[in-house]
N, C-alpha and C. Protein backbone atom coordinates (compact mmCIF):
# COMPACT_ATOMS: atom_id res chain seq x y z
N MET A 1 93.44 92.12 50.52
CA MET A 1 93.17 91.59 51.84
C MET A 1 94.36 90.78 52.35
N LYS A 2 94.96 89.99 51.45
CA LYS A 2 96.11 89.18 51.82
C LYS A 2 97.29 90.08 52.21
N LYS A 3 97.50 91.17 51.47
CA LYS A 3 98.57 92.10 51.78
C LYS A 3 98.35 92.75 53.14
N LEU A 4 97.10 93.09 53.44
CA LEU A 4 96.78 93.71 54.73
C LEU A 4 97.09 92.74 55.87
N LEU A 5 96.70 91.50 55.73
CA LEU A 5 96.98 90.50 56.75
C LEU A 5 98.48 90.29 56.94
N LEU A 6 99.21 90.22 55.86
CA LEU A 6 100.66 90.06 55.95
C LEU A 6 101.32 91.27 56.59
N THR A 7 100.82 92.45 56.28
CA THR A 7 101.34 93.67 56.87
C THR A 7 101.08 93.69 58.37
N LEU A 8 99.86 93.34 58.77
CA LEU A 8 99.52 93.29 60.21
C LEU A 8 100.36 92.24 60.93
N LEU A 9 100.54 91.10 60.32
CA LEU A 9 101.34 90.04 60.92
C LEU A 9 102.79 90.49 61.08
N ALA A 10 103.34 91.12 60.07
CA ALA A 10 104.72 91.62 60.14
C ALA A 10 104.85 92.68 61.23
N ALA A 11 103.87 93.57 61.32
CA ALA A 11 103.89 94.62 62.33
C ALA A 11 103.84 94.02 63.73
N THR A 12 103.04 92.97 63.89
CA THR A 12 102.94 92.29 65.19
C THR A 12 104.28 91.70 65.59
N PHE A 13 104.93 90.99 64.68
CA PHE A 13 106.23 90.39 64.99
C PHE A 13 107.29 91.44 65.28
N LEU A 14 107.27 92.52 64.56
CA LEU A 14 108.22 93.60 64.82
C LEU A 14 107.99 94.21 66.19
N SER A 15 106.73 94.39 66.55
CA SER A 15 106.39 94.95 67.86
C SER A 15 106.88 94.04 68.97
N LEU A 16 106.69 92.74 68.80
CA LEU A 16 107.14 91.79 69.81
C LEU A 16 108.66 91.83 69.95
N GLY A 17 109.36 91.93 68.86
CA GLY A 17 110.81 92.01 68.90
C GLY A 17 111.30 93.24 69.62
N VAL A 18 110.66 94.37 69.37
CA VAL A 18 111.03 95.62 70.03
C VAL A 18 110.72 95.52 71.52
N ALA A 19 109.59 94.95 71.89
CA ALA A 19 109.22 94.81 73.30
C ALA A 19 110.21 93.92 74.02
N THR A 20 110.65 92.84 73.39
CA THR A 20 111.61 91.94 74.01
C THR A 20 112.95 92.63 74.19
N ALA A 21 113.40 93.34 73.19
CA ALA A 21 114.67 94.06 73.29
C ALA A 21 114.59 95.13 74.38
N THR A 22 113.47 95.82 74.46
CA THR A 22 113.30 96.86 75.46
C THR A 22 113.32 96.26 76.86
N ALA A 23 112.67 95.11 77.05
CA ALA A 23 112.66 94.46 78.36
C ALA A 23 114.07 94.06 78.78
N ALA A 24 114.85 93.54 77.85
CA ALA A 24 116.23 93.15 78.16
C ALA A 24 117.07 94.37 78.49
N ASP A 25 116.87 95.45 77.76
CA ASP A 25 117.62 96.67 78.02
C ASP A 25 117.24 97.28 79.37
N ALA A 26 116.00 97.07 79.79
CA ALA A 26 115.51 97.66 81.03
C ALA A 26 115.86 96.83 82.26
N ALA A 27 116.38 95.62 82.07
CA ALA A 27 116.73 94.77 83.21
C ALA A 27 117.78 95.48 84.06
N PRO A 28 117.61 95.48 85.39
CA PRO A 28 118.57 96.18 86.24
C PRO A 28 119.96 95.55 86.15
N LYS A 29 120.97 96.38 86.30
CA LYS A 29 122.36 95.92 86.30
C LYS A 29 122.93 95.87 87.71
N SER A 30 122.07 96.11 88.69
CA SER A 30 122.52 96.05 90.07
C SER A 30 122.83 94.60 90.45
N VAL A 31 123.50 94.43 91.58
CA VAL A 31 123.85 93.11 92.09
C VAL A 31 123.15 92.92 93.43
N ILE A 32 122.47 91.79 93.56
CA ILE A 32 121.81 91.45 94.82
C ILE A 32 122.74 90.51 95.59
N HIS A 33 123.10 90.91 96.79
CA HIS A 33 124.03 90.17 97.66
C HIS A 33 123.20 89.59 98.80
N VAL A 34 122.95 88.28 98.74
CA VAL A 34 122.10 87.60 99.71
C VAL A 34 122.98 86.85 100.71
N VAL A 35 122.76 87.10 102.00
CA VAL A 35 123.57 86.48 103.03
C VAL A 35 122.67 85.70 103.99
N SER A 36 122.93 84.41 104.11
CA SER A 36 122.29 83.59 105.14
C SER A 36 123.30 83.49 106.28
N VAL A 37 122.82 83.70 107.49
CA VAL A 37 123.74 83.71 108.64
C VAL A 37 123.21 82.83 109.77
N LYS A 38 124.12 82.18 110.44
CA LYS A 38 123.82 81.43 111.66
C LYS A 38 124.54 82.16 112.78
N TRP A 39 123.77 82.69 113.73
CA TRP A 39 124.37 83.41 114.85
C TRP A 39 124.98 82.42 115.83
N LYS A 40 125.99 82.85 116.55
CA LYS A 40 126.57 82.02 117.61
C LYS A 40 125.52 81.82 118.70
N ALA A 41 125.61 80.70 119.41
CA ALA A 41 124.62 80.36 120.44
C ALA A 41 124.55 81.41 121.54
N ASP A 42 125.66 82.07 121.83
CA ASP A 42 125.66 83.06 122.91
C ASP A 42 125.42 84.49 122.44
N ALA A 43 125.07 84.67 121.17
CA ALA A 43 124.76 86.02 120.66
C ALA A 43 123.50 86.53 121.33
N THR A 44 123.55 87.74 121.83
CA THR A 44 122.38 88.32 122.50
C THR A 44 121.48 89.01 121.48
N PRO A 45 120.21 89.18 121.81
CA PRO A 45 119.32 89.93 120.91
C PRO A 45 119.84 91.34 120.61
N GLU A 46 120.49 91.97 121.59
CA GLU A 46 121.04 93.30 121.39
C GLU A 46 122.19 93.28 120.38
N GLN A 47 123.04 92.27 120.45
CA GLN A 47 124.15 92.15 119.50
C GLN A 47 123.63 91.89 118.09
N ILE A 48 122.62 91.03 117.99
CA ILE A 48 122.04 90.73 116.68
C ILE A 48 121.41 91.98 116.09
N LYS A 49 120.67 92.72 116.91
CA LYS A 49 120.06 93.96 116.44
C LYS A 49 121.13 94.95 115.98
N ALA A 50 122.22 95.06 116.72
CA ALA A 50 123.30 95.98 116.34
C ALA A 50 123.91 95.57 114.99
N ALA A 51 124.09 94.27 114.78
CA ALA A 51 124.67 93.81 113.51
C ALA A 51 123.73 94.11 112.35
N LEU A 52 122.43 93.86 112.53
CA LEU A 52 121.47 94.12 111.46
C LEU A 52 121.26 95.62 111.26
N ASP A 53 121.27 96.39 112.34
CA ASP A 53 121.21 97.85 112.20
C ASP A 53 122.44 98.34 111.42
N GLY A 54 123.56 97.65 111.61
CA GLY A 54 124.77 97.99 110.89
C GLY A 54 124.63 97.82 109.39
N VAL A 55 123.83 96.85 108.96
CA VAL A 55 123.58 96.67 107.53
C VAL A 55 122.88 97.91 106.99
N HIS A 56 121.90 98.42 107.74
CA HIS A 56 121.21 99.64 107.32
C HIS A 56 122.16 100.84 107.33
N ALA A 57 123.05 100.88 108.30
CA ALA A 57 124.02 101.97 108.35
C ALA A 57 124.96 101.93 107.14
N LEU A 58 125.27 100.73 106.67
CA LEU A 58 126.11 100.60 105.47
C LEU A 58 125.47 101.29 104.28
N GLN A 59 124.15 101.14 104.16
CA GLN A 59 123.45 101.77 103.03
C GLN A 59 123.64 103.28 103.07
N LYS A 60 123.62 103.85 104.25
CA LYS A 60 123.77 105.29 104.39
C LYS A 60 125.22 105.73 104.23
N GLY A 61 126.16 104.86 104.61
CA GLY A 61 127.56 105.25 104.62
C GLY A 61 128.40 104.78 103.45
N TYR A 62 127.85 103.88 102.64
CA TYR A 62 128.61 103.38 101.50
C TYR A 62 127.80 103.63 100.24
N PRO A 63 128.24 104.53 99.37
CA PRO A 63 127.42 104.95 98.22
C PRO A 63 127.09 103.84 97.23
N GLY A 64 127.82 102.75 97.20
CA GLY A 64 127.54 101.67 96.25
C GLY A 64 126.38 100.77 96.64
N ILE A 65 125.92 100.89 97.90
CA ILE A 65 124.78 100.09 98.37
C ILE A 65 123.52 100.92 98.20
N THR A 66 122.58 100.41 97.42
CA THR A 66 121.38 101.19 97.12
C THR A 66 120.18 100.81 97.99
N ARG A 67 120.09 99.56 98.40
CA ARG A 67 118.97 99.10 99.24
C ARG A 67 119.45 97.97 100.13
N VAL A 68 118.77 97.81 101.28
CA VAL A 68 119.02 96.66 102.15
C VAL A 68 117.70 96.11 102.66
N TRP A 69 117.72 94.83 102.96
CA TRP A 69 116.59 94.14 103.57
C TRP A 69 117.12 93.30 104.72
N THR A 70 116.52 93.40 105.90
CA THR A 70 117.00 92.65 107.06
C THR A 70 115.89 91.90 107.80
N ASN A 71 114.67 92.03 107.36
CA ASN A 71 113.55 91.39 108.04
C ASN A 71 113.29 90.02 107.41
N THR A 72 113.84 88.97 108.02
CA THR A 72 113.69 87.63 107.48
C THR A 72 112.25 87.16 107.64
N ILE A 73 111.64 86.79 106.54
CA ILE A 73 110.27 86.27 106.57
C ILE A 73 110.27 84.74 106.56
N LYS A 74 111.14 84.16 105.72
CA LYS A 74 111.21 82.72 105.61
C LYS A 74 112.66 82.33 105.35
N LYS A 75 113.08 81.24 105.95
CA LYS A 75 114.41 80.71 105.71
C LYS A 75 114.35 79.19 105.75
N GLN A 76 115.27 78.54 105.07
CA GLN A 76 115.31 77.09 105.07
C GLN A 76 116.60 76.64 105.75
N GLY A 77 116.55 75.47 106.34
CA GLY A 77 117.73 74.95 107.02
C GLY A 77 117.87 75.55 108.40
N ASP A 78 119.08 75.48 108.93
CA ASP A 78 119.32 75.93 110.30
C ASP A 78 119.86 77.36 110.39
N TRP A 79 119.66 78.14 109.35
CA TRP A 79 120.10 79.53 109.37
C TRP A 79 119.29 80.33 110.38
N SER A 80 119.93 81.29 111.01
CA SER A 80 119.24 82.16 111.97
C SER A 80 118.51 83.30 111.29
N ALA A 81 119.10 83.83 110.22
CA ALA A 81 118.55 85.01 109.56
C ALA A 81 119.08 85.10 108.14
N VAL A 82 118.44 85.94 107.35
CA VAL A 82 118.88 86.25 105.99
C VAL A 82 118.79 87.76 105.84
N PHE A 83 119.81 88.35 105.23
CA PHE A 83 119.72 89.77 104.89
C PHE A 83 120.27 89.96 103.49
N VAL A 84 119.86 91.09 102.89
CA VAL A 84 120.20 91.35 101.49
C VAL A 84 120.70 92.78 101.35
N MET A 85 121.73 92.93 100.53
CA MET A 85 122.23 94.25 100.15
C MET A 85 122.17 94.33 98.63
N GLU A 86 121.66 95.42 98.12
CA GLU A 86 121.66 95.65 96.68
C GLU A 86 122.77 96.64 96.36
N PHE A 87 123.68 96.23 95.49
CA PHE A 87 124.78 97.08 95.07
C PHE A 87 124.46 97.67 93.71
N ALA A 88 124.91 98.87 93.46
CA ALA A 88 124.62 99.56 92.20
C ALA A 88 125.18 98.82 91.00
N SER A 89 126.27 98.08 91.19
CA SER A 89 126.91 97.37 90.08
C SER A 89 127.83 96.29 90.64
N ALA A 90 128.32 95.44 89.77
CA ALA A 90 129.29 94.43 90.17
C ALA A 90 130.56 95.11 90.69
N GLN A 91 130.94 96.22 90.10
CA GLN A 91 132.12 96.94 90.56
C GLN A 91 131.92 97.50 91.96
N ALA A 92 130.72 97.98 92.26
CA ALA A 92 130.43 98.50 93.61
C ALA A 92 130.57 97.39 94.65
N LEU A 93 130.11 96.19 94.32
CA LEU A 93 130.27 95.05 95.24
C LEU A 93 131.75 94.72 95.40
N LYS A 94 132.48 94.68 94.32
CA LYS A 94 133.91 94.38 94.35
C LYS A 94 134.65 95.41 95.22
N ASP A 95 134.32 96.69 95.04
CA ASP A 95 134.97 97.75 95.81
C ASP A 95 134.61 97.69 97.29
N TYR A 96 133.43 97.20 97.61
CA TYR A 96 132.97 97.09 99.00
C TYR A 96 133.82 96.07 99.76
N SER A 97 134.19 95.00 99.12
CA SER A 97 134.96 93.94 99.76
C SER A 97 136.29 94.48 100.27
N GLY A 98 136.46 94.44 101.59
CA GLY A 98 137.68 94.96 102.21
C GLY A 98 137.69 96.45 102.45
N SER A 99 136.58 97.12 102.13
CA SER A 99 136.51 98.58 102.33
C SER A 99 136.47 98.94 103.81
N ASP A 100 136.73 100.20 104.11
CA ASP A 100 136.64 100.68 105.49
C ASP A 100 135.22 100.48 106.04
N ALA A 101 134.22 100.69 105.19
CA ALA A 101 132.82 100.52 105.63
C ALA A 101 132.57 99.07 106.05
N GLN A 102 133.04 98.13 105.26
CA GLN A 102 132.86 96.71 105.61
C GLN A 102 133.62 96.38 106.90
N LYS A 103 134.83 96.85 107.00
CA LYS A 103 135.64 96.57 108.19
C LYS A 103 134.97 97.11 109.46
N GLU A 104 134.39 98.30 109.35
CA GLU A 104 133.70 98.89 110.51
C GLU A 104 132.48 98.05 110.90
N TRP A 105 131.70 97.64 109.92
CA TRP A 105 130.51 96.83 110.20
C TRP A 105 130.91 95.48 110.78
N TYR A 106 131.98 94.92 110.29
CA TYR A 106 132.44 93.61 110.77
C TYR A 106 132.71 93.61 112.28
N LYS A 107 132.96 94.77 112.87
CA LYS A 107 133.21 94.84 114.31
C LYS A 107 132.00 94.37 115.11
N SER A 108 130.81 94.62 114.61
CA SER A 108 129.61 94.16 115.31
C SER A 108 129.11 92.82 114.78
N TYR A 109 129.44 92.50 113.54
CA TYR A 109 128.91 91.30 112.88
C TYR A 109 129.75 90.04 113.14
N LEU A 110 131.03 90.11 112.92
CA LEU A 110 131.87 88.91 113.01
C LEU A 110 131.92 88.27 114.39
N PRO A 111 131.93 89.04 115.49
CA PRO A 111 132.00 88.39 116.80
C PRO A 111 130.79 87.50 117.12
N ILE A 112 129.66 87.72 116.47
CA ILE A 112 128.46 86.92 116.78
C ILE A 112 128.07 85.97 115.65
N ARG A 113 128.81 86.00 114.55
CA ARG A 113 128.51 85.13 113.41
C ARG A 113 129.21 83.79 113.59
N GLU A 114 128.40 82.73 113.62
CA GLU A 114 128.99 81.39 113.64
C GLU A 114 129.45 81.01 112.24
N ARG A 115 128.56 81.22 111.26
CA ARG A 115 128.90 80.94 109.86
C ARG A 115 127.91 81.70 108.99
N SER A 116 128.29 81.85 107.72
CA SER A 116 127.39 82.51 106.77
C SER A 116 127.61 81.94 105.39
N ASN A 117 126.66 82.21 104.52
CA ASN A 117 126.70 81.76 103.13
C ASN A 117 126.20 82.91 102.28
N THR A 118 126.90 83.24 101.21
CA THR A 118 126.47 84.36 100.38
C THR A 118 126.22 83.93 98.94
N HIS A 119 125.34 84.66 98.30
CA HIS A 119 125.03 84.48 96.88
C HIS A 119 124.93 85.88 96.27
N ASP A 120 125.57 86.07 95.13
CA ASP A 120 125.51 87.34 94.41
C ASP A 120 124.85 87.09 93.07
N VAL A 121 123.82 87.89 92.75
CA VAL A 121 123.00 87.66 91.56
C VAL A 121 122.81 88.97 90.81
N THR A 122 122.87 88.92 89.48
CA THR A 122 122.59 90.08 88.66
C THR A 122 121.98 89.61 87.33
N ASN A 123 121.64 90.55 86.47
CA ASN A 123 121.12 90.22 85.15
C ASN A 123 122.24 90.21 84.13
């Protein structure tokens, strides 16, 4: 009986170790790029819509961007909006910086952006 209990206990600990390792291995390697933006006071709703639509266009035109979110539900401070881009990897984010796709989007974004703050997060 003692051997059976020890065997079950050992099996339980081994199972937990495998589950933990599997969870760590399954963690996404993508990078979440979070941008808080304050629009200029004279930015029109049409300009803002064009800039945010441009984020969605980036997803279609830049292969390293896998998902985007532009519908701000909650924000803190005096930010006007928050949007998120998910990059396939840290390298995809690095390659995006200064790319033709970014430069094209900046044509609609930078003229109406007063300031922004970014955070990049991964596992």
